[in-house]
Amino acid sequence: MRHVGLRPGADLDGFRRAARALVAEGAAPETVLFTEETGLFGEAALPEAPALALPAGVPPLVAEAVRHRDPERYGLLYRLIWRVLAGERALPEIASDPLVHRLHRMRKSVARDIHKMHAFVRFRQVETPAGEAYVAWFEPEHHILEAVGPFFRDRFGSLDWTILTPLGSIRWDRERLTFGPPATRADAPDGDAFEAGWRAYYESVFNPARVNPDAMRAEMPKKYWRNLPEAASIAGLVAGAGARVERMVEVGASVSAKRVPARALEAMHRRDRPDSLDALNRAIAAYDPPAGFAKRAVLGEGPLGAALAFVGEQPGDQEEARGRPFVGPAGGLLMRALGDAGIARDEAYLTNAVKHFKYEERGKRRIHRTPTAGEIRHYRWWLMDELDFAAPRLVVALGASAALALSGEAVPVSRARGPMRFGERAGFVTVHPSYLLRLPDEARGAAYDAFVADLRAARALTAQA
């Protein structure tokens, strides 16, 4: 029996080298024993061998199944490779084969574990000698840390954070992603000052009319509850769901049904308003957006107390990828127009009504989709708080979606173009620069000049605001 020791965890590179060498030696699966330990019989004892010519479906199956905690996973995968190279090229597609069936179940279990970690990691704020940092505790079923690390890096790239687990740890210091040793639950904080606000937010968006305990347990298994601050509220929310539905019906009898959700949602959010722009941005970054939206929030940027704030519709593909507003084609046109109007980008506050990119996939491309009026109102309370903290002298609505978010009502841009009050705020309505990009060449020049004239007029109004 040939013993092959691999690194504990998901040793994909070690298994690949071992599989190549074993196939080159002609070592049948029944003569090989894989163990999770390095040593005399480890991968270092195996000679280098050429890559294997495998069907397209085998490498991704191997890459995902090695993350499973089943101690037999390497042996099962080597048996699959051996059979494929022996002539069963279509084997990975035969779902009824016991070996293939077992490996695909392992693959699905790993994918489900990755999904649950994306959904149920909760960071707690801690103070360190270097400043503010965030720590989370999670208990994965499988060896998925290297798979999920880039997701959390991209989503929380501006924060200094660590995720501790019994299988290892992930560390992001705003510059480098590293993986470290296992930890215990005692190494992670039990809570922080932000947790009460998060629970209040969860309670405010809980829909009592759609309570389904069985579905809740399926999507949020009880084993994750002890690490989720909002889990402490679930029992009370479920118990009180019936009474809350009755109150909603009573309210709905006297108020337009279309207006209840937005008003009620805003009122609940106002009850637990963040006390600073940083706190608000942390809440936005932690929010899991609705289906159809990219996961990464794009936050506003610019100085507080600026003369002008510009509000667009939503971030685009490039904005979401870079985590900054107005850096795509429409943003480039806006920057050019600001320069022509005598407005410096770093002297203005830039943000969007909707903080996540709504899109549909077409092949490898992500195509912009316009947010609905309901989705704009869903995000509206964030924008209102953000502008309260940013405190610009005048707010410019770039397009109809921004005007809807700022005013709470549909605004026909072509007729309302110019100065406008957004409640207590001095405002101005103009087109979104993406509108100019869609115009034919012969009309774009005049439309651009009119847009620059709007920006100059808005700048002039700041002296009166």
Protein backbone atom coordinates (compact mmCIF):
# COMPACT_ATOMS: atom_id res chain seq x y z
CA MET A 1 0.00 0.00 0.00
CA ARG A 2 1.39 3.41 -1.01
CA HIS A 3 0.82 6.10 1.65
CA VAL A 4 0.54 9.71 0.46
CA GLY A 5 0.37 12.41 3.12
CA LEU A 6 -1.15 15.76 2.13
CA ARG A 7 -1.36 19.04 4.00
CA PRO A 8 -4.31 19.16 6.43
CA GLY A 9 -7.26 21.04 4.99
CA ALA A 10 -7.89 21.51 1.28
CA ASP A 11 -4.53 20.64 -0.29
CA LEU A 12 -5.47 21.02 -3.95
CA ASP A 13 -1.93 21.62 -5.23
CA GLY A 14 -0.57 18.69 -3.24
CA PHE A 15 -3.28 16.37 -4.52
CA ARG A 16 -2.69 17.44 -8.12
CA ARG A 17 1.05 16.69 -7.85
CA ALA A 18 0.34 13.38 -6.14
CA ALA A 19 -2.26 12.33 -8.72
CA ARG A 20 0.12 13.08 -11.60
CA ALA A 21 2.94 11.12 -10.04
CA LEU A 22 0.74 8.16 -9.09
CA VAL A 23 -0.78 7.94 -12.57
CA ALA A 24 2.72 8.07 -14.09
CA GLU A 25 3.73 5.17 -11.82
CA GLY A 26 0.63 3.20 -12.75
CA ALA A 27 -0.54 3.07 -9.11
CA ALA A 28 -4.10 1.73 -9.06
CA PRO A 29 -6.52 3.43 -6.61
CA GLU A 30 -6.81 0.35 -4.39
CA THR A 31 -3.04 0.48 -3.78
CA VAL A 32 -2.97 4.11 -2.56
CA LEU A 33 -3.91 5.49 0.85
CA PHE A 34 -4.20 9.28 1.22
CA THR A 35 -3.79 10.79 4.68
CA GLU A 36 -3.89 14.37 5.96
CA GLU A 37 -0.36 14.52 7.32
CA THR A 38 2.99 15.36 5.79
CA GLY A 39 6.07 13.31 6.42
CA LEU A 40 8.24 10.58 4.97
CA PHE A 41 5.54 9.42 2.58
CA GLY A 42 4.20 12.88 1.78
CA GLU A 43 4.10 14.67 -1.52
CA ALA A 44 7.82 15.52 -1.32
CA ALA A 45 8.55 11.81 -1.85
CA LEU A 46 6.67 11.81 -5.16
CA PRO A 47 8.51 12.64 -8.39
CA GLU A 48 7.40 15.45 -10.70
CA ALA A 49 5.10 14.27 -13.49
CA PRO A 50 3.36 15.93 -16.46
CA ALA A 51 -0.16 17.33 -16.23
CA LEU A 52 -3.06 14.99 -16.85
CA ALA A 53 -5.33 15.30 -19.90
CA LEU A 54 -8.73 15.32 -18.18
CA PRO A 55 -12.23 16.19 -19.48
CA ALA A 56 -13.32 19.77 -18.78
CA GLY A 57 -15.71 18.76 -15.99
CA VAL A 58 -13.12 16.98 -13.84
CA PRO A 59 -10.79 19.84 -12.66
CA PRO A 60 -13.60 22.02 -11.20
CA LEU A 61 -15.12 18.98 -9.48
CA VAL A 62 -11.72 18.18 -7.95
CA ALA A 63 -11.12 21.80 -6.92
CA GLU A 64 -14.41 21.95 -5.02
CA ALA A 65 -14.59 18.42 -3.59
CA VAL A 66 -11.13 18.67 -1.96
CA ARG A 67 -12.65 21.30 0.36
CA HIS A 68 -15.00 18.67 1.83
CA ARG A 69 -14.06 17.27 5.26
CA ASP A 70 -14.69 13.64 4.27
CA PRO A 71 -11.34 11.88 4.95
CA GLU A 72 -11.95 9.69 1.89
CA ARG A 73 -12.23 12.62 -0.55
CA TYR A 74 -8.74 12.31 -2.03
CA GLY A 75 -9.12 8.58 -2.58
CA LEU A 76 -12.51 9.08 -4.24
CA LEU A 77 -11.16 11.79 -6.52
CA TYR A 78 -8.13 9.71 -7.49
CA ARG A 79 -10.48 6.81 -8.32
CA LEU A 80 -12.47 9.16 -10.58
CA ILE A 81 -9.31 10.35 -12.34
CA TRP A 82 -8.06 6.77 -12.75
CA ARG A 83 -11.31 5.60 -14.34
CA VAL A 84 -11.49 8.61 -16.68
CA LEU A 85 -7.93 8.05 -17.89
CA ALA A 86 -8.71 4.35 -18.33
CA GLY A 87 -11.29 5.24 -20.98
CA GLU A 88 -14.45 6.35 -19.13
CA ARG A 89 -14.25 9.91 -20.48
CA ALA A 90 -17.97 10.57 -19.99
CA LEU A 91 -17.94 9.34 -16.38
CA PRO A 92 -18.32 12.82 -14.75
CA GLU A 93 -21.65 13.24 -16.58
CA ILE A 94 -23.12 9.92 -15.39
CA ALA A 95 -25.02 11.05 -12.30
CA SER A 96 -26.26 7.52 -11.56
CA ASP A 97 -22.73 6.19 -11.03
CA PRO A 98 -22.24 5.77 -7.22
CA LEU A 99 -18.80 7.41 -7.26
CA VAL A 100 -19.96 10.40 -9.32
CA HIS A 101 -23.13 10.74 -7.25
CA ARG A 102 -21.14 10.84 -4.01
CA LEU A 103 -18.65 13.39 -5.33
CA HIS A 104 -21.41 15.69 -6.61
CA ARG A 105 -23.13 15.53 -3.22
CA MET A 106 -19.84 16.55 -1.62
CA ARG A 107 -19.50 19.39 -4.13
CA LYS A 108 -23.02 20.65 -3.32
CA SER A 109 -22.34 20.45 0.40
CA VAL A 110 -19.23 22.61 -0.02
CA ALA A 111 -21.13 25.14 -2.17
CA ARG A 112 -23.88 25.32 0.45
CA ASP A 113 -21.31 25.88 3.19
CA ILE A 114 -19.73 28.74 1.21
CA HIS A 115 -23.16 30.31 0.71
CA LYS A 116 -23.94 30.08 4.43
CA MET A 117 -20.61 31.67 5.36
CA HIS A 118 -21.26 34.54 2.95
CA ALA A 119 -24.65 35.06 4.60
CA PHE A 120 -24.01 34.46 8.30
CA VAL A 121 -20.65 36.01 9.18
CA ARG A 122 -21.18 38.93 11.58
CA PHE A 123 -18.29 41.24 12.46
CA ARG A 124 -17.88 42.85 15.88
CA GLN A 125 -15.93 46.04 16.34
CA VAL A 126 -12.84 45.93 18.57
CA GLU A 127 -10.24 48.50 19.51
CA THR A 128 -6.59 47.60 18.89
CA PRO A 129 -3.34 49.55 19.39
CA ALA A 130 -3.47 50.25 15.64
CA GLY A 131 -7.06 51.54 15.80
CA GLU A 132 -10.50 50.24 14.90
CA ALA A 133 -10.77 46.62 13.69
CA TYR A 134 -13.48 43.99 13.23
CA VAL A 135 -13.53 40.34 14.29
CA ALA A 136 -16.02 37.58 13.43
CA TRP A 137 -16.47 33.98 14.58
CA PHE A 138 -17.84 31.31 12.25
CA GLU A 139 -17.96 27.51 12.28
CA PRO A 140 -17.74 26.16 8.72
CA GLU A 141 -18.42 22.52 7.99
CA HIS A 142 -15.70 22.24 5.36
CA HIS A 143 -12.31 23.68 4.40
CA ILE A 144 -13.68 26.76 2.59
CA LEU A 145 -11.62 29.64 3.99
CA GLU A 146 -9.42 30.11 0.92
CA ALA A 147 -12.56 30.04 -1.25
CA VAL A 148 -14.43 32.73 0.72
CA GLY A 149 -11.49 35.01 1.57
CA PRO A 150 -11.64 37.03 -1.69
CA PHE A 151 -15.40 37.57 -1.25
CA PHE A 152 -14.97 39.23 2.15
CA ARG A 153 -11.90 41.16 0.94
CA ASP A 154 -13.88 42.66 -1.94
CA ARG A 155 -16.97 43.35 0.15
CA PHE A 156 -15.21 44.83 3.19
CA GLY A 157 -12.03 46.11 1.56
CA SER A 158 -12.00 49.38 3.51
CA LEU A 159 -12.07 47.66 6.91
CA ASP A 160 -9.38 45.92 8.98
CA TRP A 161 -10.95 42.53 9.80
CA THR A 162 -10.32 38.96 10.92
CA ILE A 163 -12.57 35.90 10.65
CA LEU A 164 -11.81 33.22 13.24
CA THR A 165 -12.92 29.59 12.82
CA PRO A 166 -12.04 26.18 14.32
CA LEU A 167 -10.42 25.27 10.96
CA GLY A 168 -8.26 28.37 10.49
CA SER A 169 -8.49 32.15 10.23
CA ILE A 170 -8.65 34.83 7.55
CA ARG A 171 -7.00 38.24 8.00
CA TRP A 172 -7.35 41.39 5.87
CA ASP A 173 -5.28 44.43 6.90
CA ARG A 174 -6.59 46.65 4.06
CA GLU A 175 -3.63 45.61 1.91
CA ARG A 176 -3.03 41.86 2.13
CA LEU A 177 -5.19 38.76 2.60
CA THR A 178 -3.59 36.06 4.76
CA PHE A 179 -4.68 32.74 6.24
CA GLY A 180 -3.70 31.68 9.73
CA PRO A 181 -4.16 28.99 12.39
CA PRO A 182 -7.42 27.79 13.97
CA ALA A 183 -9.00 29.66 16.87
CA THR A 184 -11.57 29.09 19.58
CA ARG A 185 -14.86 30.86 20.27
CA ALA A 186 -13.24 32.51 23.30
CA ASP A 187 -10.84 34.36 20.96
CA ALA A 188 -13.72 36.33 19.40
CA PRO A 189 -15.70 39.17 21.00
CA ASP A 190 -19.25 38.49 22.17
CA GLY A 191 -20.72 41.76 20.91
CA ASP A 192 -20.16 45.43 20.27
CA ALA A 193 -21.94 48.78 20.43
CA PHE A 194 -23.19 48.44 16.85
CA GLU A 195 -24.99 45.16 17.55
CA ALA A 196 -28.07 46.73 19.12
CA GLY A 197 -28.54 48.86 16.02
CA TRP A 198 -28.18 45.84 13.76
CA ARG A 199 -30.82 43.95 15.75
CA ALA A 200 -33.14 46.94 15.55
CA TYR A 201 -32.62 47.06 11.78
CA TYR A 202 -33.37 43.34 11.45
CA GLU A 203 -36.54 43.74 13.50
CA SER A 204 -37.62 46.73 11.40
CA VAL A 205 -37.42 44.84 8.08
CA PHE A 206 -38.94 41.61 9.45
CA ASN A 207 -42.19 40.96 7.55
CA PRO A 208 -44.70 39.33 9.91
CA ALA A 209 -47.10 38.60 7.07
CA ARG A 210 -44.61 36.20 5.48
CA VAL A 211 -43.51 34.23 8.54
CA ASN A 212 -42.72 30.62 7.69
CA PRO A 213 -40.71 28.98 10.51
CA ASP A 214 -39.85 25.90 8.44
CA ALA A 215 -38.49 28.01 5.60
CA MET A 216 -36.60 30.20 8.09
CA ARG A 217 -34.90 27.18 9.61
CA ALA A 218 -34.03 25.88 6.14
CA GLU A 219 -32.39 29.15 5.13
CA MET A 220 -30.93 29.98 8.57
CA PRO A 221 -30.24 26.64 10.35
CA LYS A 222 -30.26 26.82 14.13
CA LYS A 223 -26.59 25.86 14.38
CA TYR A 224 -25.73 29.38 13.09
CA TRP A 225 -28.01 31.23 15.50
CA ARG A 226 -25.60 31.51 18.40
CA ASN A 227 -23.24 33.60 16.26
CA LEU A 228 -25.93 35.89 14.82
CA PRO A 229 -26.98 38.93 16.91
CA GLU A 230 -30.36 39.08 15.18
CA ALA A 231 -31.13 35.48 16.21
CA ALA A 232 -31.95 36.70 19.73
CA SER A 233 -34.94 38.55 18.24
CA ILE A 234 -36.38 35.70 16.16
CA ALA A 235 -38.50 33.98 18.82
CA GLY A 236 -40.19 37.23 19.86
CA LEU A 237 -40.75 38.33 16.26
CA VAL A 238 -42.37 35.02 15.33
CA ALA A 239 -44.52 35.00 18.47
CA GLY A 240 -45.77 38.53 17.78
CA ALA A 241 -46.23 38.10 14.01
CA GLY A 242 -50.00 37.64 14.19
CA ALA A 243 -50.61 40.82 16.17
CA ARG A 244 -48.31 42.83 13.88
CA VAL A 245 -50.18 41.63 10.78
CA GLU A 246 -53.48 42.76 12.33
CA ARG A 247 -52.02 46.23 12.97
CA MET A 248 -50.76 46.40 9.37
CA VAL A 249 -54.25 45.55 8.08
CA GLU A 250 -55.75 48.30 10.25
CA VAL A 251 -53.24 50.87 8.92
CA GLY A 252 -53.85 49.71 5.36
CA ALA A 253 -57.58 50.49 5.69
CA SER A 254 -56.93 54.21 6.14
CA VAL A 255 -53.77 54.85 4.10
CA SER A 256 -52.99 54.19 0.45
CA ALA A 257 -51.52 50.68 0.14
CA LYS A 258 -48.83 51.94 -2.20
CA ARG A 259 -47.52 54.39 0.40
CA VAL A 260 -47.53 52.22 3.53
CA PRO A 261 -44.37 50.16 2.89
CA ALA A 262 -42.07 53.12 2.20
CA ARG A 263 -43.45 55.25 5.06
CA ALA A 264 -43.41 52.40 7.55
CA LEU A 265 -39.91 51.35 6.55
CA GLU A 266 -38.55 54.89 6.84
CA ALA A 267 -40.22 55.37 10.23
CA MET A 268 -38.70 52.17 11.57
CA HIS A 269 -35.26 53.12 10.32
CA ARG A 270 -35.53 56.61 11.80
CA ARG A 271 -36.13 55.05 15.19
CA ASP A 272 -32.57 53.66 15.21
CA ARG A 273 -30.73 56.29 13.18
CA PRO A 274 -26.90 55.99 13.03
CA ASP A 275 -25.11 58.79 14.84
CA SER A 276 -22.42 59.51 12.22
CA LEU A 277 -21.66 59.09 8.52
CA ASP A 278 -19.11 56.39 9.35
CA ALA A 279 -21.73 54.43 11.30
CA LEU A 280 -24.20 54.81 8.44
CA ASN A 281 -21.62 53.61 5.91
CA ARG A 282 -20.88 50.55 8.04
CA ALA A 283 -24.58 49.70 8.05
CA ILE A 284 -24.76 50.13 4.27
CA ALA A 285 -21.64 47.98 3.72
CA ALA A 286 -23.07 45.23 5.93
CA TYR A 287 -26.45 45.18 4.17
CA ASP A 288 -27.27 42.16 1.99
CA PRO A 289 -29.09 43.68 -1.02
CA PRO A 290 -32.14 42.17 -2.77
CA ALA A 291 -31.76 39.57 -5.51
CA GLY A 292 -30.54 41.05 -8.77
CA PHE A 293 -28.15 43.51 -7.13
CA ALA A 294 -24.38 43.17 -6.81
CA LYS A 295 -23.27 42.51 -3.24
CA ARG A 296 -20.73 45.32 -2.88
CA ALA A 297 -22.09 48.67 -1.75
CA VAL A 298 -20.65 51.82 -3.33
CA LEU A 299 -20.54 54.56 -0.73
CA GLY A 300 -20.61 58.31 -1.24
CA GLU A 301 -17.37 60.27 -1.18
CA GLY A 302 -16.34 63.87 -0.80
CA PRO A 303 -15.95 66.54 1.87
CA LEU A 304 -18.58 67.24 4.50
CA GLY A 305 -20.17 70.65 4.18
CA ALA A 306 -19.44 70.86 0.44
CA ALA A 307 -21.12 73.53 -1.60
CA LEU A 308 -22.59 70.91 -3.94
CA ALA A 309 -23.64 67.28 -3.65
CA PHE A 310 -24.41 65.28 -6.80
CA VAL A 311 -26.81 62.34 -6.54
CA GLY A 312 -26.98 59.78 -9.33
CA GLU A 313 -29.23 56.78 -9.81
CA GLN A 314 -27.00 53.82 -8.83
CA PRO A 315 -23.43 52.63 -9.30
CA GLY A 316 -22.56 50.92 -12.56
CA ASP A 317 -20.42 47.90 -13.35
CA GLN A 318 -17.11 49.77 -13.07
CA GLU A 319 -18.18 51.65 -9.94
CA GLU A 320 -19.12 48.37 -8.23
CA ALA A 321 -15.83 46.75 -9.28
CA ARG A 322 -13.75 49.68 -7.95
CA GLY A 323 -15.97 50.61 -5.00
CA ARG A 324 -16.17 54.31 -5.96
CA PRO A 325 -18.97 56.42 -7.43
CA PHE A 326 -18.82 57.96 -10.92
CA VAL A 327 -15.71 56.23 -12.28
CA GLY A 328 -17.35 54.63 -15.34
CA PRO A 329 -18.16 56.19 -18.74
CA ALA A 330 -20.99 58.37 -17.40
CA GLY A 331 -18.79 59.40 -14.49
CA GLY A 332 -16.02 60.37 -16.89
CA LEU A 333 -18.44 62.61 -18.77
CA LEU A 334 -19.63 64.14 -15.49
CA MET A 335 -16.03 64.90 -14.47
CA ARG A 336 -15.43 66.61 -17.80
CA ALA A 337 -18.63 68.69 -17.41
CA LEU A 338 -17.73 69.62 -13.82
CA GLY A 339 -14.37 70.88 -15.03
CA ASP A 340 -16.00 72.92 -17.79
CA ALA A 341 -18.40 74.37 -15.20
CA GLY A 342 -15.56 75.33 -12.86
CA ILE A 343 -16.36 72.70 -10.21
CA ALA A 344 -13.55 70.53 -8.79
CA ARG A 345 -14.45 66.90 -8.07
CA ASP A 346 -12.66 66.91 -4.72
CA GLU A 347 -14.74 69.91 -3.61
CA ALA A 348 -18.10 68.19 -4.28
CA TYR A 349 -19.85 65.30 -2.54
CA LEU A 350 -20.77 62.43 -4.91
CA THR A 351 -23.22 59.64 -4.17
CA ASN A 352 -26.11 57.59 -5.57
CA ALA A 353 -29.74 57.12 -4.59
CA VAL A 354 -29.34 53.30 -4.70
CA LYS A 355 -26.11 51.98 -3.19
CA HIS A 356 -25.86 48.65 -5.06
CA PHE A 357 -25.53 47.88 -8.77
CA LYS A 358 -28.69 46.34 -10.25
CA TYR A 359 -27.91 44.28 -13.34
CA GLU A 360 -28.68 41.26 -15.48
CA GLU A 361 -26.05 38.91 -16.90
CA ARG A 362 -25.67 38.55 -20.65
CA GLY A 363 -22.87 36.13 -21.31
CA LYS A 364 -19.86 37.49 -19.45
CA ARG A 365 -21.26 41.04 -19.25
CA ARG A 366 -23.31 42.67 -16.51
CA ILE A 367 -25.93 44.92 -18.08
CA HIS A 368 -27.42 47.84 -16.10
CA ARG A 369 -31.06 47.55 -15.07
CA THR A 370 -33.02 50.57 -13.85
CA PRO A 371 -34.14 50.22 -10.21
CA THR A 372 -37.88 50.31 -9.63
CA ALA A 373 -39.60 53.10 -7.72
CA GLY A 374 -40.06 50.69 -4.82
CA GLU A 375 -36.36 49.85 -4.77
CA ILE A 376 -35.44 53.54 -4.82
CA ARG A 377 -37.77 54.21 -1.88
CA HIS A 378 -36.31 51.19 -0.08
CA TYR A 379 -32.90 52.89 -0.13
CA ARG A 380 -34.25 56.43 0.42
CA TRP A 381 -33.75 56.58 4.19
CA TRP A 382 -30.02 55.94 3.73
CA LEU A 383 -29.73 58.81 1.26
CA MET A 384 -31.62 61.18 3.54
CA ASP A 385 -29.37 60.35 6.51
CA GLU A 386 -26.27 60.55 4.33
CA LEU A 387 -27.12 64.06 3.16
CA ASP A 388 -27.92 65.11 6.73
CA PHE A 389 -24.40 64.09 7.74
CA ALA A 390 -22.70 65.40 4.57
CA ALA A 391 -24.60 68.73 4.90
CA PRO A 392 -24.06 70.17 1.40
CA ARG A 393 -25.43 73.63 0.66
CA LEU A 394 -27.23 72.45 -2.48
CA VAL A 395 -28.09 68.98 -3.84
CA VAL A 396 -28.13 68.26 -7.57
CA ALA A 397 -30.39 65.42 -8.74
CA LEU A 398 -28.87 63.76 -11.81
CA GLY A 399 -31.88 62.26 -13.56
CA ALA A 400 -35.37 61.08 -12.63
CA SER A 401 -34.34 58.30 -10.21
CA ALA A 402 -32.29 60.69 -8.10
CA ALA A 403 -35.10 63.26 -8.16
CA LEU A 404 -37.57 60.59 -7.00
CA ALA A 405 -35.26 59.60 -4.15
CA LEU A 406 -34.73 63.20 -3.04
CA SER A 407 -38.32 64.39 -3.33
CA GLY A 408 -40.21 61.19 -2.60
CA GLU A 409 -42.30 61.76 -5.74
CA ALA A 410 -41.92 61.18 -9.47
CA VAL A 411 -40.31 64.22 -11.12
CA PRO A 412 -40.44 64.83 -14.91
CA VAL A 413 -36.89 66.01 -15.52
CA SER A 414 -37.64 67.75 -18.81
CA ARG A 415 -40.23 70.03 -17.13
CA ALA A 416 -38.67 70.35 -13.66
CA ARG A 417 -35.13 70.98 -14.89
CA GLY A 418 -33.64 73.75 -12.80
CA PRO A 419 -33.88 74.88 -9.15
CA MET A 420 -36.15 72.79 -6.90
CA ARG A 421 -36.69 72.30 -3.18
CA PHE A 422 -36.26 68.79 -1.78
CA GLY A 423 -38.11 69.26 1.47
CA GLU A 424 -35.91 71.59 3.53
CA ARG A 425 -32.98 71.18 1.14
CA ALA A 426 -32.05 73.53 -1.67
CA GLY A 427 -31.83 71.48 -4.84
CA PHE A 428 -31.44 71.44 -8.59
CA VAL A 429 -32.68 68.95 -11.19
CA THR A 430 -30.81 68.09 -14.37
CA VAL A 431 -30.20 65.08 -16.58
CA HIS A 432 -27.95 62.16 -15.75
CA PRO A 433 -24.75 62.13 -17.83
CA SER A 434 -25.63 58.61 -19.08
CA TYR A 435 -28.51 60.29 -20.95
CA LEU A 436 -25.98 62.27 -22.97
CA LEU A 437 -24.07 59.09 -23.86
CA ARG A 438 -27.22 57.60 -25.39
CA LEU A 439 -27.86 60.57 -27.70
CA PRO A 440 -26.83 60.49 -31.38
CA ASP A 441 -23.64 62.36 -32.17
CA GLU A 442 -25.43 65.27 -33.87
CA ALA A 443 -27.51 66.00 -30.75
CA ARG A 444 -24.92 65.33 -28.08
CA GLY A 445 -22.98 68.58 -28.42
CA ALA A 446 -25.92 70.86 -27.71
CA ALA A 447 -27.17 68.60 -24.89
CA TYR A 448 -23.72 68.64 -23.31
CA ASP A 449 -23.57 72.43 -23.43
CA ALA A 450 -26.99 72.60 -21.74
CA PHE A 451 -25.79 70.18 -19.07
CA VAL A 452 -22.71 72.31 -18.34
CA ALA A 453 -24.96 75.38 -18.16
CA ASP A 454 -27.08 73.57 -15.54
CA LEU A 455 -24.00 72.81 -13.48
CA ARG A 456 -22.88 76.44 -13.64
CA ALA A 457 -26.36 77.55 -12.55
CA ALA A 458 -26.30 75.12 -9.63
CA ARG A 459 -22.89 76.42 -8.57
CA ALA A 460 -24.18 79.99 -8.68
CA LEU A 461 -27.12 79.05 -6.46
CA THR A 462 -24.82 77.81 -3.69
CA ALA A 463 -24.08 81.43 -2.84
CA GLN A 464 -27.80 81.80 -1.97
CA ALA A 465 -28.37 78.39 -0.37
